[in-house]
Amino acid sequence: MTTSPLDRAADSFAAELARHRTERGLSKKQLATLMGFDPSYVSHVEGRRHRPTEDFARRAEAVLEASGAIWLRFQEYDDLRHARNDRHHRDLVLPGQWMPPGTGLIVERETATLTHTADAYRCVIRRELYNAGTEPVTRYLIRVAVDRYPNDPGRSNRHHREHPLTFAELQLRATREEFGEQEAMHWRAKHDRDAFKELWLLFENTERRFPLYPGRRATLEYAYTVGQDKWGPWFQRAVRVPTRHLAVRLNLPAAIDPQVWGAETSLSAEEGPLRTAVTRRDEGDRAVFDWATDEPPLNARYRLLWRFRAQQEPETGGGRVRPSDRMRGLGIVQRGVDLLRQPARPLDLPSEEQTARGIVDRLVTALARLDELHPFTKGVGIAAPQLDIGRAVAVVRPPDRTAEPVVLLNPRVVDAAPHTDEQYEGCLSFFDHRGLVPRPLRLDVEHAQFDGGRLITSFEFGMARLVAHEIDHLDGLLYIDRMAPGVPLVPIEEYRESGHPWRY
């Protein structure tokens, strides 16, 4: 049995209505009450026993705050209904009818470009708009949010409190283009926070007003600048209006070897990787990264993230800052501090569960901050004594970044493979050098859980090396204590030039 386009459009409206009602946690009866309808009416519409009316669609859109999605589905249905009846006009809007937020505005195409300049980031957003509603659009809401340290909220909040984002530094410029004519747009602030700005772009300027009328298209473009001291290594686009196509571009200096990846999330799904890959091309001294998607769902968020693998060290005094100084600046204690040579005190679990969780949170946060400075492609670990905490806790991030970090509470080695190999190791607390260290190819480690239970985990090859390194820290040892006599340390500059990948 086949259905007509009109029937399919009515089905799409009912499905959209049911989806938003469910996401809001409302029963059909509750929604009908909020909309001012008989309790059975919503059930009849969702069950396809009643066709939607314009008044019903407007009220559902307003109550469920569907960002225009329900209204869009109704208009698709209504267009087909009018076409079938050979009618070319719309019913007049009656006084008192509810208008949906956004009045049916659609983004047919959005292109967002972020360019890294010498000391700032320049963002340009271009949106091709279509007014599918019945009222002229006179303003458009935009948001600018910054987060210098996204993996450390406390530090980021302190930073932006001391160095707030200002409207003056944004240098915001906005234009509207329609029928080939371009007009400057005025704007008006709505919210002003240390790290967040929300403002209305107005379809007017000192010379005239130019609303976007129903059935008309216009291109809106706005641009702003944020200094490097306030912009973290991420660029996010949120879909708040029905959008047909979304494209994002990062334009970064090739000399600092940018590495870019992405993540997406929505109201109905946890964060995961982008469903399509980010592509790269080089243009002279610039690295250009592109990503795009069609028909992104409403309220979806797409975030591109990056790190600069060849970022030059800032200069102070007579020369460059040493790598160990960068680690010290992140709060990681360096060789020579007594605590690094003392065995860490075990946790009493489960009575100290909250203490353990707090230490683990600090270690995980430190690893996230480290990732901003260095790729650590072989994996990386950190022990509590390296943050000046004398407790037996360590966290190891595997080379596979999609894997969960390994949490070690009160760990001890209970068995090791007889076979060993020698590989170069580095240490966050001894970061200016690398050294050849023999390690077992397999370790069996007994460690505690937060509830006091204990388990034994077996680690092999690279993970065995990482785990052994961190357990040494908890025993007051550094990797130099494991090196064979007479084997020299390699300065990090020489190590980088020659390259020493692990042979696993």
Protein backbone atom coordinates (compact mmCIF):
# COMPACT_ATOMS: atom_id res chain seq x y z
CA MET A 1 0.00 0.00 0.00
CA THR A 2 1.38 3.42 -0.98
CA THR A 3 0.72 6.73 0.70
CA SER A 4 0.46 10.16 -0.85
CA PRO A 5 3.02 12.95 -0.23
CA LEU A 6 0.37 14.69 1.85
CA ASP A 7 -0.07 11.62 4.05
CA ARG A 8 3.69 11.32 4.47
CA ALA A 9 3.93 14.99 5.42
CA ALA A 10 1.20 14.51 8.05
CA ASP A 11 3.09 11.48 9.39
CA SER A 12 6.30 13.53 9.59
CA PHE A 13 4.51 16.24 11.56
CA ALA A 14 3.10 13.69 14.01
CA ALA A 15 6.51 12.05 14.46
CA GLU A 16 8.19 15.42 15.09
CA LEU A 17 5.52 16.33 17.63
CA ALA A 18 5.92 13.00 19.46
CA ARG A 19 9.70 13.27 19.51
CA HIS A 20 9.74 16.73 21.11
CA ARG A 21 6.97 15.81 23.55
CA THR A 22 8.94 12.75 24.67
CA GLU A 23 12.18 14.71 25.02
CA ARG A 24 10.37 17.18 27.28
CA GLY A 25 9.06 14.30 29.39
CA LEU A 26 5.40 15.23 28.84
CA SER A 27 2.45 12.89 28.46
CA LYS A 28 -0.07 13.55 25.70
CA LYS A 29 -2.55 14.73 28.28
CA GLN A 30 -0.05 17.12 29.88
CA LEU A 31 0.87 18.62 26.52
CA ALA A 32 -2.76 19.06 25.54
CA THR A 33 -3.42 20.88 28.83
CA LEU A 34 -0.47 23.23 28.29
CA MET A 35 -1.68 23.94 24.75
CA GLY A 36 -5.28 24.54 25.83
CA PHE A 37 -6.74 21.58 23.94
CA ASP A 38 -8.97 18.68 24.89
CA PRO A 39 -6.82 15.94 26.50
CA SER A 40 -7.56 13.50 23.68
CA TYR A 41 -6.61 15.88 20.86
CA VAL A 42 -2.82 15.39 21.01
CA SER A 43 -3.37 11.64 21.02
CA HIS A 44 -5.53 11.93 17.92
CA VAL A 45 -2.92 14.01 16.06
CA GLU A 46 -0.03 11.73 16.97
CA GLY A 47 -2.18 8.71 16.02
CA ARG A 48 -2.87 10.30 12.58
CA ARG A 49 -6.62 10.31 13.28
CA HIS A 50 -6.71 14.13 13.12
CA ARG A 51 -4.75 16.29 10.71
CA PRO A 52 -2.89 19.25 12.30
CA THR A 53 -4.26 22.75 12.10
CA GLU A 54 -2.18 25.92 11.96
CA ASP A 55 -3.29 26.96 15.43
CA PHE A 56 -2.37 23.53 16.82
CA ALA A 57 1.08 23.67 15.18
CA ARG A 58 1.79 27.15 16.51
CA ARG A 59 0.82 26.20 20.06
CA ALA A 60 2.83 22.96 19.97
CA GLU A 61 5.88 24.82 18.64
CA ALA A 62 5.64 27.45 21.36
CA VAL A 63 5.00 25.06 24.27
CA LEU A 64 7.68 22.54 23.27
CA GLU A 65 10.19 25.24 22.24
CA ALA A 66 11.16 23.13 19.23
CA SER A 67 13.35 25.82 17.58
CA GLY A 68 11.05 25.86 14.54
CA ALA A 69 11.15 22.11 13.83
CA ILE A 70 7.44 21.44 14.49
CA TRP A 71 6.44 24.57 12.61
CA LEU A 72 8.61 23.56 9.65
CA ARG A 73 6.95 20.14 9.43
CA PHE A 74 3.53 21.79 9.53
CA GLN A 75 4.45 24.15 6.72
CA GLU A 76 5.63 21.23 4.59
CA TYR A 77 2.27 19.57 5.19
CA ASP A 78 0.35 22.80 4.64
CA ASP A 79 2.13 23.53 1.35
CA LEU A 80 1.07 20.14 0.00
CA ARG A 81 -2.48 20.61 1.27
CA HIS A 82 -2.78 23.99 -0.48
CA ALA A 83 -1.23 22.63 -3.66
CA ARG A 84 -3.70 19.73 -3.75
CA ASN A 85 -6.63 22.11 -3.29
CA ASP A 86 -5.20 24.45 -5.94
CA ARG A 87 -5.06 27.29 -3.45
CA HIS A 88 -2.30 29.86 -3.70
CA HIS A 89 -2.90 31.93 -0.61
CA ARG A 90 -2.49 31.45 3.10
CA ASP A 91 -5.20 31.69 5.66
CA LEU A 92 -4.99 34.93 7.58
CA VAL A 93 -3.43 34.72 11.01
CA LEU A 94 -6.13 35.33 13.57
CA PRO A 95 -5.49 37.71 16.47
CA GLY A 96 -4.23 35.94 19.55
CA GLN A 97 -2.75 32.94 17.72
CA TRP A 98 0.55 31.78 19.11
CA MET A 99 3.60 32.51 16.97
CA PRO A 100 6.45 29.99 17.10
CA PRO A 101 9.87 31.16 18.29
CA GLY A 102 12.01 32.08 15.29
CA THR A 103 8.84 32.53 13.15
CA GLY A 104 9.81 29.66 10.88
CA LEU A 105 13.32 30.89 10.08
CA ILE A 106 15.54 28.36 8.27
CA VAL A 107 19.32 28.39 7.77
CA GLU A 108 19.77 26.98 4.28
CA ARG A 109 23.57 27.08 4.56
CA GLU A 110 26.01 28.07 7.29
CA THR A 111 29.74 28.48 6.74
CA ALA A 112 31.87 29.17 9.82
CA THR A 113 35.56 30.02 9.43
CA LEU A 114 38.07 30.45 12.25
CA THR A 115 41.48 31.91 11.35
CA HIS A 116 44.51 31.89 13.66
CA THR A 117 46.38 35.18 13.27
CA ALA A 118 49.61 36.31 14.91
CA ASP A 119 48.03 37.00 18.30
CA ALA A 120 44.30 36.31 17.96
CA TYR A 121 41.52 34.24 16.40
CA ARG A 122 39.22 35.79 13.81
CA CYS A 123 35.81 34.16 13.42
CA VAL A 124 33.55 34.75 10.39
CA ILE A 125 30.04 33.26 10.31
CA ARG A 126 28.00 33.37 7.09
CA ARG A 127 24.37 32.18 7.12
CA GLU A 128 21.99 31.99 4.18
CA LEU A 129 18.55 32.52 5.69
CA TYR A 130 15.04 31.80 4.44
CA ASN A 131 11.96 33.12 6.20
CA ALA A 132 9.48 30.25 5.93
CA GLY A 133 7.14 31.85 8.45
CA THR A 134 4.33 34.37 8.23
CA GLU A 135 5.97 37.31 10.03
CA PRO A 136 8.94 39.51 9.06
CA VAL A 137 12.20 38.81 10.91
CA THR A 138 13.69 41.96 12.44
CA ARG A 139 16.52 40.56 14.59
CA TYR A 140 18.75 37.50 14.91
CA LEU A 141 20.29 36.17 18.14
CA ILE A 142 24.00 35.23 18.16
CA ARG A 143 26.30 33.98 20.91
CA VAL A 144 30.06 34.28 21.51
CA ALA A 145 31.50 31.95 24.17
CA VAL A 146 35.14 31.42 25.13
CA ASP A 147 36.77 28.86 27.42
CA ARG A 148 40.53 29.14 27.71
CA TYR A 149 41.00 25.87 29.63
CA PRO A 150 38.03 23.65 28.71
CA ASN A 151 39.34 20.67 30.70
CA ASP A 152 39.87 22.72 33.86
CA PRO A 153 36.67 24.70 34.63
CA GLY A 154 38.02 26.19 37.85
CA ARG A 155 41.13 27.53 36.20
CA SER A 156 39.16 28.78 33.21
CA ASN A 157 36.65 30.62 35.40
CA ARG A 158 39.46 32.29 37.35
CA HIS A 159 41.22 33.25 34.13
CA HIS A 160 38.14 34.85 32.55
CA ARG A 161 37.21 36.57 35.81
CA GLU A 162 40.64 38.25 35.77
CA HIS A 163 40.63 38.77 31.98
CA PRO A 164 36.96 39.12 30.92
CA LEU A 165 35.88 39.11 27.31
CA THR A 166 34.68 42.57 26.28
CA PHE A 167 32.45 43.82 23.50
CA ALA A 168 35.13 46.35 22.57
CA GLU A 169 37.78 43.74 21.80
CA LEU A 170 35.37 41.63 19.72
CA GLN A 171 35.34 44.30 17.00
CA LEU A 172 32.02 42.83 15.89
CA ARG A 173 30.92 43.64 12.33
CA ALA A 174 27.70 42.38 10.76
CA THR A 175 26.10 42.76 7.33
CA ARG A 176 22.97 41.55 5.58
CA GLU A 177 22.91 40.90 1.84
CA GLU A 178 19.70 40.62 -0.21
CA PHE A 179 19.23 40.97 -3.98
CA GLY A 180 22.91 41.77 -4.32
CA GLU A 181 22.74 44.75 -1.95
CA GLN A 182 24.71 44.75 1.30
CA GLU A 183 23.67 46.61 4.43
CA ALA A 184 25.56 47.14 7.68
CA MET A 185 23.63 45.82 10.67
CA HIS A 186 23.42 47.34 14.13
CA TRP A 187 23.47 45.14 17.20
CA ARG A 188 22.19 45.25 20.77
CA ALA A 189 23.60 43.35 23.76
CA LYS A 190 21.34 40.86 25.53
CA HIS A 191 23.71 39.13 28.01
CA ASP A 192 27.19 40.20 29.08
CA ARG A 193 29.26 37.68 31.08
CA ASP A 194 33.00 37.26 31.61
CA ALA A 195 33.28 34.44 29.05
CA PHE A 196 29.93 34.70 27.27
CA LYS A 197 28.24 37.34 25.16
CA GLU A 198 24.76 37.15 23.67
CA LEU A 199 23.44 39.86 21.40
CA TRP A 200 20.82 40.67 18.81
CA LEU A 201 21.83 41.48 15.25
CA LEU A 202 19.26 44.02 14.10
CA PHE A 203 17.93 44.19 10.55
CA GLU A 204 18.43 47.95 10.56
CA ASN A 205 21.05 50.69 10.63
CA THR A 206 21.14 54.47 10.91
CA GLU A 207 19.74 54.86 7.38
CA ARG A 208 16.85 52.41 7.28
CA ARG A 209 15.23 49.15 8.34
CA PHE A 210 15.29 46.06 6.13
CA PRO A 211 13.29 43.19 7.69
CA LEU A 212 13.48 39.72 6.18
CA TYR A 213 9.94 39.25 4.93
CA PRO A 214 8.09 35.90 4.65
CA GLY A 215 9.14 33.92 1.60
CA ARG A 216 12.33 35.96 1.14
CA ARG A 217 16.01 35.01 1.43
CA ALA A 218 18.98 36.97 2.71
CA THR A 219 22.58 36.26 3.66
CA LEU A 220 23.74 37.33 7.09
CA GLU A 221 27.47 37.58 7.87
CA TYR A 222 29.17 38.60 11.07
CA ALA A 223 32.77 38.54 12.26
CA TYR A 224 34.57 39.04 15.56
CA THR A 225 38.07 38.72 17.05
CA VAL A 226 39.23 37.09 20.30
CA GLY A 227 42.81 37.20 21.61
CA GLN A 228 44.83 34.00 22.02
CA ASP A 229 44.90 34.56 25.76
CA LYS A 230 41.13 33.93 25.91
CA TRP A 231 40.48 31.40 23.15
CA GLY A 232 40.96 27.73 24.04
CA PRO A 233 41.82 24.97 21.51
CA TRP A 234 38.24 24.39 20.35
CA PHE A 235 35.58 25.79 18.03
CA GLN A 236 31.96 24.73 18.49
CA ARG A 237 28.85 25.15 16.36
CA ALA A 238 25.43 24.58 17.91
CA VAL A 239 22.34 24.00 15.74
CA ARG A 240 19.60 26.17 17.24
CA VAL A 241 17.61 26.86 14.06
CA PRO A 242 16.59 24.29 11.41
CA THR A 243 19.66 24.03 9.19
CA ARG A 244 20.11 22.37 5.81
CA HIS A 245 23.92 22.46 5.53
CA LEU A 246 26.69 23.28 8.00
CA ALA A 247 30.35 23.74 7.02
CA VAL A 248 33.25 24.57 9.38
CA ARG A 249 36.76 25.62 8.40
CA LEU A 250 39.89 26.13 10.51
CA ASN A 251 42.72 28.16 8.98
CA LEU A 252 45.87 27.59 11.07
CA PRO A 253 49.61 28.20 10.66
CA ALA A 254 51.25 25.10 9.18
CA ALA A 255 54.56 25.90 10.90
CA ILE A 256 53.21 24.93 14.33
CA ASP A 257 52.03 21.52 13.04
CA PRO A 258 48.32 21.67 13.97
CA GLN A 259 46.51 18.40 14.69
CA VAL A 260 42.69 18.61 14.43
CA TRP A 261 39.89 16.23 15.37
CA GLY A 262 36.26 16.62 16.37
CA ALA A 263 33.31 15.46 18.46
CA GLU A 264 29.54 15.76 18.30
CA THR A 265 26.69 15.46 20.76
CA SER A 266 22.94 16.02 20.89
CA LEU A 267 20.03 15.88 23.32
CA SER A 268 19.53 12.19 22.54
CA ALA A 269 23.13 10.96 22.27
CA GLU A 270 26.32 11.03 24.29
CA GLU A 271 29.41 12.75 22.90
CA GLY A 272 31.14 10.76 20.18
CA PRO A 273 33.48 11.34 17.24
CA LEU A 274 32.33 13.24 14.16
CA ARG A 275 30.57 10.92 11.74
CA THR A 276 32.66 12.19 8.83
CA ALA A 277 36.36 12.96 8.81
CA VAL A 278 37.97 16.38 9.00
CA THR A 279 40.01 16.96 5.83
CA ARG A 280 43.25 18.93 5.52
CA ARG A 281 44.95 20.77 2.70
CA ASP A 282 47.99 23.07 2.79
CA GLU A 283 47.92 26.49 1.16
CA GLY A 284 51.34 28.09 1.33
CA ASP A 285 52.20 28.52 5.00
CA ARG A 286 48.65 27.73 6.15
CA ALA A 287 46.96 24.44 7.06
CA VAL A 288 43.24 24.49 6.18
CA PHE A 289 40.91 21.98 7.83
CA ASP A 290 37.35 21.48 6.53
CA TRP A 291 34.35 19.58 7.86
CA ALA A 292 30.69 19.67 6.80
CA THR A 293 27.37 17.92 7.33
CA ASP A 294 23.89 18.01 5.79
CA GLU A 295 20.61 18.21 7.72
CA PRO A 296 22.15 18.40 11.21
CA PRO A 297 19.54 17.69 13.90
CA LEU A 298 18.31 20.54 16.04
CA ASN A 299 20.27 21.11 19.25
CA ALA A 300 23.22 19.09 17.94
CA ARG A 301 26.66 20.44 18.83
CA TYR A 302 29.77 19.95 16.75
CA ARG A 303 33.15 20.74 18.25
CA LEU A 304 36.50 20.83 16.46
CA LEU A 305 39.55 20.55 18.72
CA TRP A 306 43.25 20.93 18.03
CA ARG A 307 46.75 21.04 19.39
CA PHE A 308 49.91 22.62 18.03
CA ARG A 309 52.65 20.00 18.10
CA ALA A 310 55.45 22.37 17.13
CA GLN A 311 54.44 25.35 19.25
CA GLN A 312 57.53 27.42 20.02
CA GLU A 313 58.44 28.09 23.59
CA PRO A 314 57.97 31.67 24.77
CA GLU A 315 61.19 33.53 25.41
CA THR A 316 62.02 35.04 28.77
CA GLY A 317 65.19 36.74 29.87
CA GLY A 318 68.15 35.55 27.83
CA GLY A 319 66.61 32.50 26.08
CA ARG A 320 63.84 29.97 25.69
CA VAL A 321 61.95 28.48 28.58
CA ARG A 322 63.11 24.94 29.28
CA PRO A 323 60.61 22.08 28.89
CA SER A 324 60.90 21.35 32.61
CA ASP A 325 59.90 24.94 33.35
CA ARG A 326 56.73 24.43 31.32
CA MET A 327 55.93 21.38 33.42
CA ARG A 328 56.66 23.33 36.60
CA GLY A 329 54.30 26.03 35.36
CA LEU A 330 51.53 23.43 35.19
CA GLY A 331 52.08 22.52 38.82
CA ILE A 332 54.17 19.37 38.23
CA VAL A 333 57.02 19.12 40.73
CA GLN A 334 60.48 18.60 39.25
CA ARG A 335 63.46 16.44 40.16
CA GLY A 336 65.08 17.55 43.38
CA VAL A 337 61.86 17.85 45.38
CA ASP A 338 62.03 15.52 48.40
CA LEU A 339 58.51 14.16 47.92
CA LEU A 340 59.53 12.47 44.66
CA ARG A 341 62.00 10.32 46.61
CA GLN A 342 59.57 9.23 49.34
CA PRO A 343 57.20 6.23 49.13
CA ALA A 344 53.60 7.39 48.79
CA ARG A 345 51.17 6.66 51.63
CA PRO A 346 48.44 4.11 50.75
CA LEU A 347 44.79 5.08 50.87
CA ASP A 348 42.46 3.53 53.44
CA LEU A 349 39.57 2.43 51.24
CA PRO A 350 36.64 2.68 51.25
CA SER A 351 36.76 5.18 54.15
CA GLU A 352 38.95 7.54 52.06
CA GLU A 353 36.92 7.12 48.87
CA GLN A 354 36.18 10.84 48.53
CA THR A 355 39.85 11.69 49.02
CA ALA A 356 40.76 9.14 46.32
CA ARG A 357 38.21 10.50 43.88
CA GLY A 358 39.43 14.05 44.45
CA ILE A 359 43.04 13.05 43.73
CA VAL A 360 42.01 11.14 40.60
CA ASP A 361 40.09 14.20 39.35
CA ARG A 362 43.19 16.35 39.83
CA LEU A 363 45.37 13.86 37.96
CA VAL A 364 42.92 13.56 35.06
CA THR A 365 42.65 17.35 34.83
CA ALA A 366 46.44 17.64 34.77
CA LEU A 367 46.65 15.14 31.90
CA ALA A 368 44.09 17.13 29.93
CA ARG A 369 46.11 20.32 30.41
CA LEU A 370 49.27 18.49 29.36
CA ASP A 371 47.60 17.51 26.09
CA GLU A 372 47.41 21.20 25.20
CA LEU A 373 51.22 21.37 25.26
CA HIS A 374 52.38 18.01 23.99
CA PRO A 375 50.81 15.18 21.92
CA PHE A 376 52.15 12.22 24.02
CA THR A 377 51.38 9.81 21.17
CA LYS A 378 52.83 6.87 23.16
CA GLY A 379 50.48 7.49 26.06
CA VAL A 380 51.23 9.31 29.28
CA GLY A 381 50.85 8.83 33.02
CA ILE A 382 51.02 10.93 36.13
CA ALA A 383 51.36 9.98 39.80
CA ALA A 384 50.04 11.90 42.79
CA PRO A 385 53.52 12.79 44.15
CA GLN A 386 54.14 14.69 40.90
CA LEU A 387 51.36 17.07 41.97
CA ASP A 388 52.85 17.30 45.48
CA ILE A 389 50.34 14.78 46.86
CA GLY A 390 52.02 12.00 48.84
CA ARG A 391 49.34 9.34 48.28
CA ALA A 392 49.48 6.09 46.30
CA VAL A 393 47.38 7.13 43.28
CA ALA A 394 48.32 7.24 39.59
CA VAL A 395 46.46 7.64 36.29
CA VAL A 396 47.70 6.36 32.92
CA ARG A 397 46.24 7.40 29.56
CA PRO A 398 46.81 4.72 26.89
CA PRO A 399 48.17 5.61 23.43
CA ASP A 400 44.65 5.03 22.08
CA ARG A 401 42.90 8.27 23.03
CA THR A 402 39.47 6.67 22.73
CA ALA A 403 40.30 4.28 25.61
CA GLU A 404 39.47 5.21 29.19
CA PRO A 405 42.39 6.22 31.46
CA VAL A 406 43.63 3.52 33.83
CA VAL A 407 43.23 4.47 37.50
CA LEU A 408 45.70 2.86 39.90
CA LEU A 409 44.92 3.01 43.64
CA ASN A 410 47.46 1.45 46.02
CA PRO A 411 49.04 -0.53 43.15
CA ARG A 412 51.73 -3.19 43.56
CA VAL A 413 53.40 -5.48 41.04
CA VAL A 414 52.58 -9.13 41.77
CA ASP A 415 54.20 -10.71 38.69
CA ALA A 416 56.38 -9.68 35.75
CA ALA A 417 57.48 -11.37 32.52
CA PRO A 418 61.10 -12.60 32.55
CA HIS A 419 61.71 -10.96 29.18
CA THR A 420 62.54 -7.25 29.06
CA ASP A 421 63.42 -4.67 26.44
CA GLU A 422 65.06 -1.25 26.47
CA GLN A 423 63.23 1.84 25.23
CA TYR A 424 63.60 5.57 25.74
CA GLU A 425 61.47 7.06 28.48
CA GLY A 426 60.71 10.58 29.57
CA CYS A 427 59.28 11.89 32.80
CA LEU A 428 57.05 14.87 33.51
CA SER A 429 59.22 15.59 36.56
CA PHE A 430 62.48 15.26 34.61
CA PHE A 431 61.37 16.63 31.27
CA ASP A 432 64.62 18.03 29.85
CA HIS A 433 66.09 14.58 29.12
CA ARG A 434 65.23 11.11 27.87
CA GLY A 435 66.89 7.84 28.89
CA LEU A 436 67.08 4.15 27.86
CA VAL A 437 65.24 2.10 30.46
CA PRO A 438 64.81 -1.71 30.59
CA ARG A 439 61.27 -2.82 31.49
CA PRO A 440 59.39 -6.17 31.59
CA LEU A 441 57.19 -6.88 28.56
CA ARG A 442 54.32 -7.82 30.89
CA LEU A 443 53.26 -6.72 34.36
CA ASP A 444 50.53 -8.11 36.60
CA VAL A 445 49.41 -5.38 38.98
CA GLU A 446 47.14 -5.70 42.00
CA HIS A 447 45.30 -2.46 42.71
CA ALA A 448 42.32 -1.24 44.70
CA GLN A 449 38.91 0.01 43.68
CA PHE A 450 37.10 2.91 45.31
CA ASP A 451 34.92 0.54 47.32
CA GLY A 452 38.00 -1.16 48.80
CA GLY A 453 37.87 -4.25 46.60
CA ARG A 454 41.06 -5.35 44.88
CA LEU A 455 41.71 -6.78 41.45
CA ILE A 456 44.67 -7.84 39.33
CA THR A 457 45.17 -6.36 35.87
CA SER A 458 47.72 -7.54 33.32
CA PHE A 459 49.50 -4.95 31.16
CA GLU A 460 51.70 -5.65 28.14
CA PHE A 461 54.35 -3.86 26.08
CA GLY A 462 53.81 -0.07 26.01
CA MET A 463 51.15 -0.04 28.71
CA ALA A 464 53.35 -2.24 30.92
CA ARG A 465 56.11 0.36 30.56
CA LEU A 466 53.79 3.27 31.36
CA VAL A 467 52.31 1.53 34.41
CA ALA A 468 55.75 0.44 35.71
CA HIS A 469 56.98 4.04 35.40
CA GLU A 470 54.09 5.37 37.51
CA ILE A 471 54.35 2.65 40.17
CA ASP A 472 58.04 3.57 40.49
CA HIS A 473 56.94 7.13 41.30
CA LEU A 474 54.75 5.79 44.09
CA ASP A 475 57.78 3.90 45.44
CA GLY A 476 59.97 7.02 45.36
CA LEU A 477 61.93 5.99 42.24
CA LEU A 478 62.69 7.81 38.97
CA TYR A 479 63.44 6.14 35.65
CA ILE A 480 67.13 7.03 35.98
CA ASP A 481 67.27 4.55 38.87
CA ARG A 482 66.40 1.80 36.37
CA MET A 483 68.99 2.71 33.73
CA ALA A 484 72.06 0.56 33.23
CA PRO A 485 75.31 2.04 34.66
CA GLY A 486 77.18 4.27 32.22
CA VAL A 487 74.24 4.81 29.83
CA PRO A 488 74.03 8.57 29.15
CA LEU A 489 70.90 10.68 29.21
CA VAL A 490 69.83 12.32 25.94
CA PRO A 491 68.85 16.03 25.97
CA ILE A 492 65.32 16.46 24.70
CA GLU A 493 66.52 18.57 21.76
CA GLU A 494 68.67 15.72 20.45
CA TYR A 495 65.94 13.20 21.17
CA ARG A 496 63.44 15.17 19.09
CA GLU A 497 65.83 15.56 16.18
CA SER A 498 66.73 11.88 15.92
CA GLY A 499 63.35 10.40 16.87
CA HIS A 500 63.05 7.23 18.94
CA PRO A 501 59.67 5.52 18.46
CA TRP A 502 58.89 2.62 20.74
CA ARG A 503 59.34 -0.75 19.04
CA TYR A 504 56.13 -2.52 20.04
